[in-house]
Amino acid sequence: MDLPARARVYAFVYPLCWPWLWFQLWRLGTWIQSTKRDVLFRVDRFGNLHVDFISDAPRDPSRYTYEAPSVPAWAAPGLASDMPETVAAVARPARPAPVLPLCEWHLIPARQAPDTS
């Protein structure tokens, strides 16, 4: 726990209880360093620590092994797509819509709004 956060805790606790708070924080700090877990705790006005939540134990980094895919994504584009293969087989590439020249647009004229002034 860094010094500014610890100062806020000491400001909350009665000065008579600071030695007890120091002992509680020391015990918690050594436990956190030995187990490599994070803790969410609260402190009352008398320096008592109450642990609310404890994080999960750290995972063993040697257990994770990366296995490269046997087929690269560019060799089989179906593997790199989110689309199911059954849909991709029948899907057609999108064609751009025919563009009409501006003079051929047939717009429906709207009636003029009544004057309410």
N, C-alpha and C. Protein backbone atom coordinates (compact mmCIF):
# COMPACT_ATOMS: atom_id res chain seq x y z
N MET A 1 0.86 -1.17 0.00
CA MET A 1 0.00 0.00 0.00
C MET A 1 0.91 1.23 0.00
N ASP A 2 0.66 2.15 -0.91
CA ASP A 2 1.52 3.32 -1.01
C ASP A 2 1.19 4.33 0.08
N LEU A 3 2.07 5.29 0.25
CA LEU A 3 1.98 6.22 1.37
C LEU A 3 0.72 7.09 1.34
N PRO A 4 0.29 7.69 0.21
CA PRO A 4 -0.93 8.50 0.25
C PRO A 4 -2.17 7.70 0.66
N ALA A 5 -2.28 6.47 0.20
CA ALA A 5 -3.43 5.65 0.59
C ALA A 5 -3.36 5.30 2.07
N ARG A 6 -2.16 5.03 2.56
CA ARG A 6 -2.00 4.71 3.98
C ARG A 6 -2.29 5.94 4.84
N ALA A 7 -1.95 7.13 4.36
CA ALA A 7 -2.22 8.36 5.12
C ALA A 7 -3.73 8.57 5.27
N ARG A 8 -4.48 8.24 4.25
CA ARG A 8 -5.94 8.37 4.35
C ARG A 8 -6.50 7.42 5.39
N VAL A 9 -5.93 6.22 5.47
CA VAL A 9 -6.40 5.24 6.46
C VAL A 9 -6.08 5.74 7.87
N TYR A 10 -4.86 6.25 8.06
CA TYR A 10 -4.48 6.76 9.38
C TYR A 10 -5.32 7.97 9.77
N ALA A 11 -5.70 8.80 8.81
CA ALA A 11 -6.54 9.96 9.12
C ALA A 11 -7.93 9.54 9.56
N PHE A 12 -8.39 8.38 9.12
CA PHE A 12 -9.72 7.89 9.47
C PHE A 12 -9.75 7.30 10.88
N VAL A 13 -8.64 6.71 11.31
CA VAL A 13 -8.57 5.98 12.59
C VAL A 13 -8.19 6.95 13.71
N TYR A 14 -8.71 6.69 14.92
CA TYR A 14 -8.34 7.50 16.08
C TYR A 14 -6.83 7.37 16.34
N PRO A 15 -6.14 8.48 16.67
CA PRO A 15 -4.68 8.41 16.87
C PRO A 15 -4.26 7.41 17.96
N LEU A 16 -5.10 7.17 18.94
CA LEU A 16 -4.77 6.21 19.99
C LEU A 16 -4.63 4.80 19.42
N CYS A 17 -5.31 4.52 18.31
CA CYS A 17 -5.32 3.17 17.72
C CYS A 17 -4.32 3.01 16.57
N TRP A 18 -3.45 4.00 16.32
CA TRP A 18 -2.50 3.91 15.23
C TRP A 18 -1.52 2.74 15.36
N PRO A 19 -1.01 2.42 16.54
CA PRO A 19 -0.11 1.25 16.62
C PRO A 19 -0.81 -0.05 16.21
N TRP A 20 -2.06 -0.20 16.62
CA TRP A 20 -2.82 -1.40 16.24
C TRP A 20 -3.05 -1.42 14.72
N LEU A 21 -3.35 -0.26 14.14
CA LEU A 21 -3.55 -0.17 12.70
C LEU A 21 -2.25 -0.50 11.96
N TRP A 22 -1.12 0.02 12.45
CA TRP A 22 0.17 -0.29 11.82
C TRP A 22 0.42 -1.79 11.84
N PHE A 23 0.14 -2.45 12.96
CA PHE A 23 0.36 -3.89 13.07
C PHE A 23 -0.56 -4.65 12.10
N GLN A 24 -1.82 -4.22 12.01
CA GLN A 24 -2.76 -4.87 11.10
C GLN A 24 -2.32 -4.71 9.64
N LEU A 25 -1.89 -3.50 9.27
CA LEU A 25 -1.43 -3.26 7.90
C LEU A 25 -0.15 -4.04 7.60
N TRP A 26 0.73 -4.15 8.57
CA TRP A 26 1.97 -4.92 8.38
C TRP A 26 1.65 -6.39 8.15
N ARG A 27 0.74 -6.93 8.97
CA ARG A 27 0.36 -8.34 8.80
C ARG A 27 -0.29 -8.57 7.43
N LEU A 28 -1.17 -7.65 7.04
CA LEU A 28 -1.84 -7.79 5.75
C LEU A 28 -0.83 -7.67 4.60
N GLY A 29 0.10 -6.75 4.70
CA GLY A 29 1.12 -6.58 3.66
C GLY A 29 2.01 -7.80 3.51
N THR A 30 2.42 -8.40 4.61
CA THR A 30 3.25 -9.61 4.51
C THR A 30 2.44 -10.77 3.93
N TRP A 31 1.17 -10.87 4.28
CA TRP A 31 0.34 -11.94 3.71
C TRP A 31 0.16 -11.75 2.21
N ILE A 32 -0.05 -10.50 1.77
CA ILE A 32 -0.22 -10.22 0.35
C ILE A 32 1.06 -10.57 -0.42
N GLN A 33 2.22 -10.23 0.15
CA GLN A 33 3.48 -10.53 -0.54
C GLN A 33 3.75 -12.03 -0.58
N SER A 34 3.37 -12.75 0.45
CA SER A 34 3.66 -14.18 0.47
C SER A 34 2.71 -14.98 -0.43
N THR A 35 1.46 -14.56 -0.54
CA THR A 35 0.50 -15.31 -1.35
C THR A 35 0.32 -14.75 -2.75
N LYS A 36 0.81 -13.53 -3.01
CA LYS A 36 0.67 -12.87 -4.32
C LYS A 36 -0.79 -12.70 -4.71
N ARG A 37 -1.62 -12.37 -3.74
CA ARG A 37 -3.04 -12.12 -3.98
C ARG A 37 -3.36 -10.69 -3.56
N ASP A 38 -4.36 -10.11 -4.21
CA ASP A 38 -4.82 -8.78 -3.83
C ASP A 38 -6.02 -8.91 -2.90
N VAL A 39 -6.21 -7.88 -2.09
CA VAL A 39 -7.25 -7.91 -1.07
C VAL A 39 -8.02 -6.60 -1.10
N LEU A 40 -9.32 -6.69 -0.99
CA LEU A 40 -10.16 -5.52 -0.80
C LEU A 40 -10.61 -5.54 0.65
N PHE A 41 -10.23 -4.50 1.41
CA PHE A 41 -10.52 -4.50 2.84
C PHE A 41 -11.09 -3.16 3.24
N ARG A 42 -11.66 -3.14 4.45
CA ARG A 42 -12.16 -1.89 5.02
C ARG A 42 -11.60 -1.76 6.43
N VAL A 43 -11.57 -0.55 6.91
CA VAL A 43 -11.00 -0.25 8.23
C VAL A 43 -12.05 0.47 9.05
N ASP A 44 -12.17 0.10 10.32
CA ASP A 44 -13.08 0.85 11.19
C ASP A 44 -12.28 1.91 11.95
N ARG A 45 -12.95 2.69 12.76
CA ARG A 45 -12.32 3.81 13.46
C ARG A 45 -11.29 3.37 14.50
N PHE A 46 -11.32 2.09 14.87
CA PHE A 46 -10.41 1.59 15.89
C PHE A 46 -9.20 0.87 15.29
N GLY A 47 -9.04 0.89 13.97
CA GLY A 47 -7.88 0.29 13.33
C GLY A 47 -8.02 -1.17 12.99
N ASN A 48 -9.21 -1.72 13.12
CA ASN A 48 -9.42 -3.12 12.76
C ASN A 48 -9.63 -3.24 11.25
N LEU A 49 -8.95 -4.20 10.65
CA LEU A 49 -9.11 -4.46 9.22
C LEU A 49 -10.14 -5.57 9.03
N HIS A 50 -11.03 -5.37 8.09
CA HIS A 50 -12.02 -6.37 7.73
C HIS A 50 -11.83 -6.68 6.25
N VAL A 51 -11.42 -7.90 5.93
CA VAL A 51 -11.19 -8.30 4.55
C VAL A 51 -12.53 -8.68 3.94
N ASP A 52 -12.88 -7.99 2.85
CA ASP A 52 -14.14 -8.25 2.16
C ASP A 52 -13.97 -9.24 1.02
N PHE A 53 -12.93 -9.03 0.21
CA PHE A 53 -12.72 -9.90 -0.95
C PHE A 53 -11.25 -10.21 -1.11
N ILE A 54 -10.97 -11.43 -1.56
CA ILE A 54 -9.60 -11.87 -1.85
C ILE A 54 -9.58 -12.30 -3.31
N SER A 55 -8.55 -11.88 -4.03
CA SER A 55 -8.46 -12.23 -5.45
C SER A 55 -8.09 -13.70 -5.62
N ASP A 56 -8.24 -14.17 -6.84
CA ASP A 56 -7.88 -15.55 -7.15
C ASP A 56 -6.38 -15.74 -7.03
N ALA A 57 -5.99 -16.97 -6.82
CA ALA A 57 -4.57 -17.29 -6.76
C ALA A 57 -3.94 -17.09 -8.13
N PRO A 58 -2.70 -16.62 -8.18
CA PRO A 58 -2.07 -16.43 -9.49
C PRO A 58 -1.88 -17.76 -10.20
N ARG A 59 -2.03 -17.73 -11.51
CA ARG A 59 -1.90 -18.95 -12.30
C ARG A 59 -0.42 -19.26 -12.53
N ASP A 60 -0.16 -20.52 -12.72
CA ASP A 60 1.19 -20.96 -13.01
C ASP A 60 1.50 -20.63 -14.47
N PRO A 61 2.50 -19.78 -14.75
CA PRO A 61 2.76 -19.40 -16.14
C PRO A 61 3.26 -20.56 -17.00
N SER A 62 3.78 -21.60 -16.39
CA SER A 62 4.28 -22.73 -17.19
C SER A 62 3.13 -23.59 -17.72
N ARG A 63 1.93 -23.42 -17.19
CA ARG A 63 0.80 -24.23 -17.65
C ARG A 63 0.27 -23.76 -18.99
N TYR A 64 0.49 -22.51 -19.35
CA TYR A 64 -0.03 -21.98 -20.61
C TYR A 64 0.98 -22.24 -21.72
N THR A 65 0.56 -22.87 -22.77
CA THR A 65 1.41 -23.08 -23.94
C THR A 65 0.62 -22.65 -25.17
N TYR A 66 1.27 -21.89 -26.02
CA TYR A 66 0.63 -21.42 -27.24
C TYR A 66 0.84 -22.47 -28.32
N GLU A 67 -0.24 -22.85 -28.96
CA GLU A 67 -0.17 -23.78 -30.07
C GLU A 67 -0.58 -23.04 -31.33
N ALA A 68 0.34 -22.92 -32.26
CA ALA A 68 0.06 -22.23 -33.51
C ALA A 68 -0.93 -23.05 -34.33
N PRO A 69 -1.83 -22.39 -35.05
CA PRO A 69 -2.78 -23.14 -35.88
C PRO A 69 -2.05 -23.91 -36.97
N SER A 70 -2.60 -25.06 -37.32
CA SER A 70 -1.94 -25.90 -38.33
C SER A 70 -2.06 -25.31 -39.73
N VAL A 71 -3.12 -24.56 -39.98
CA VAL A 71 -3.31 -23.93 -41.29
C VAL A 71 -3.32 -22.42 -41.09
N PRO A 72 -2.47 -21.67 -41.80
CA PRO A 72 -2.50 -20.21 -41.63
C PRO A 72 -3.82 -19.63 -42.16
N ALA A 73 -4.21 -18.51 -41.62
CA ALA A 73 -5.51 -17.92 -41.96
C ALA A 73 -5.59 -17.53 -43.43
N TRP A 74 -4.49 -17.11 -44.03
CA TRP A 74 -4.54 -16.70 -45.43
C TRP A 74 -4.63 -17.89 -46.38
N ALA A 75 -4.31 -19.09 -45.90
CA ALA A 75 -4.42 -20.27 -46.75
C ALA A 75 -5.86 -20.76 -46.84
N ALA A 76 -6.62 -20.56 -45.79
CA ALA A 76 -8.03 -20.97 -45.77
C ALA A 76 -8.85 -19.81 -45.23
N PRO A 77 -9.36 -18.93 -46.10
CA PRO A 77 -10.08 -17.75 -45.63
C PRO A 77 -11.30 -18.07 -44.78
N GLY A 78 -11.86 -19.25 -44.94
CA GLY A 78 -13.02 -19.62 -44.13
C GLY A 78 -12.68 -19.70 -42.65
N LEU A 79 -11.42 -19.99 -42.33
CA LEU A 79 -11.02 -20.06 -40.92
C LEU A 79 -10.91 -18.67 -40.30
N ALA A 80 -10.68 -17.65 -41.11
CA ALA A 80 -10.51 -16.30 -40.59
C ALA A 80 -11.81 -15.52 -40.53
N SER A 81 -12.91 -16.13 -40.92
CA SER A 81 -14.19 -15.43 -40.97
C SER A 81 -15.06 -15.83 -39.80
N ASP A 82 -15.93 -14.92 -39.40
CA ASP A 82 -16.92 -15.22 -38.37
C ASP A 82 -18.17 -15.86 -38.97
N MET A 83 -18.26 -15.87 -40.29
CA MET A 83 -19.43 -16.41 -40.96
C MET A 83 -19.32 -17.94 -41.03
N PRO A 84 -20.38 -18.65 -40.69
CA PRO A 84 -20.33 -20.11 -40.80
C PRO A 84 -20.09 -20.55 -42.24
N GLU A 85 -19.45 -21.70 -42.39
CA GLU A 85 -19.12 -22.18 -43.73
C GLU A 85 -20.36 -22.45 -44.57
N THR A 86 -21.44 -22.89 -43.94
CA THR A 86 -22.66 -23.18 -44.71
C THR A 86 -23.25 -21.91 -45.29
N VAL A 87 -23.16 -20.81 -44.57
CA VAL A 87 -23.68 -19.54 -45.07
C VAL A 87 -22.70 -18.96 -46.09
N ALA A 88 -21.41 -19.11 -45.85
CA ALA A 88 -20.41 -18.55 -46.75
C ALA A 88 -20.47 -19.21 -48.12
N ALA A 89 -20.90 -20.47 -48.19
CA ALA A 89 -20.96 -21.17 -49.47
C ALA A 89 -22.06 -20.60 -50.37
N VAL A 90 -23.16 -20.15 -49.79
CA VAL A 90 -24.27 -19.63 -50.59
C VAL A 90 -24.28 -18.11 -50.67
N ALA A 91 -23.45 -17.46 -49.91
CA ALA A 91 -23.44 -15.99 -49.90
C ALA A 91 -22.79 -15.48 -51.18
N ARG A 92 -23.40 -14.45 -51.74
CA ARG A 92 -22.85 -13.83 -52.94
C ARG A 92 -22.19 -12.52 -52.55
N PRO A 93 -21.16 -12.12 -53.27
CA PRO A 93 -20.56 -10.82 -52.95
C PRO A 93 -21.55 -9.69 -53.23
N ALA A 94 -21.50 -8.69 -52.41
CA ALA A 94 -22.42 -7.56 -52.55
C ALA A 94 -22.06 -6.76 -53.79
N ARG A 95 -23.10 -6.42 -54.57
CA ARG A 95 -22.91 -5.58 -55.76
C ARG A 95 -23.40 -4.18 -55.43
N PRO A 96 -22.72 -3.19 -55.94
CA PRO A 96 -23.21 -1.83 -55.68
C PRO A 96 -24.54 -1.62 -56.39
N ALA A 97 -25.41 -0.87 -55.76
CA ALA A 97 -26.73 -0.58 -56.32
C ALA A 97 -26.56 0.32 -57.55
N PRO A 98 -27.43 0.16 -58.52
CA PRO A 98 -27.31 1.04 -59.70
C PRO A 98 -27.57 2.49 -59.30
N VAL A 99 -26.74 3.34 -59.80
CA VAL A 99 -26.85 4.76 -59.47
C VAL A 99 -27.62 5.46 -60.57
N LEU A 100 -28.71 6.12 -60.19
CA LEU A 100 -29.51 6.86 -61.16
C LEU A 100 -28.96 8.27 -61.29
N PRO A 101 -28.95 8.78 -62.48
CA PRO A 101 -28.54 10.18 -62.61
C PRO A 101 -29.53 11.09 -61.89
N LEU A 102 -29.07 12.24 -61.50
CA LEU A 102 -29.88 13.16 -60.72
C LEU A 102 -31.13 13.60 -61.47
N CYS A 103 -31.05 13.68 -62.79
CA CYS A 103 -32.20 14.17 -63.54
C CYS A 103 -33.31 13.13 -63.65
N GLU A 104 -33.05 11.86 -63.40
CA GLU A 104 -34.06 10.83 -63.53
C GLU A 104 -34.79 10.52 -62.23
N TRP A 105 -34.47 11.19 -61.17
CA TRP A 105 -35.15 10.93 -59.91
C TRP A 105 -36.59 11.42 -60.02
N HIS A 106 -37.49 10.62 -59.55
CA HIS A 106 -38.90 11.00 -59.55
C HIS A 106 -39.30 11.21 -58.10
N LEU A 107 -39.28 12.44 -57.68
CA LEU A 107 -39.61 12.76 -56.29
C LEU A 107 -41.09 13.08 -56.19
N ILE A 108 -41.70 12.65 -55.12
CA ILE A 108 -43.11 12.93 -54.87
C ILE A 108 -43.18 14.29 -54.20
N PRO A 109 -43.90 15.22 -54.80
CA PRO A 109 -43.97 16.54 -54.18
C PRO A 109 -44.80 16.49 -52.89
N ALA A 110 -44.31 17.10 -51.87
CA ALA A 110 -45.02 17.14 -50.59
C ALA A 110 -45.92 18.37 -50.55
N ARG A 111 -47.05 18.22 -49.88
CA ARG A 111 -47.94 19.37 -49.73
C ARG A 111 -47.31 20.38 -48.80
N GLN A 112 -47.63 21.62 -49.06
CA GLN A 112 -47.08 22.68 -48.23
C GLN A 112 -47.79 22.69 -46.89
N ALA A 113 -47.04 22.92 -45.82
CA ALA A 113 -47.63 22.95 -44.48
C ALA A 113 -48.52 24.18 -44.35
N PRO A 114 -49.62 24.06 -43.63
CA PRO A 114 -50.51 25.22 -43.47
C PRO A 114 -49.84 26.31 -42.64
N ASP A 115 -50.18 27.55 -42.96
CA ASP A 115 -49.63 28.69 -42.24
C ASP A 115 -50.43 28.89 -40.96
N THR A 116 -49.81 28.72 -39.82
CA THR A 116 -50.51 28.84 -38.53
C THR A 116 -50.15 30.10 -37.77
N SER A 117 -49.51 31.05 -38.44
CA SER A 117 -49.13 32.26 -37.71
C SER A 117 -50.26 33.24 -37.57
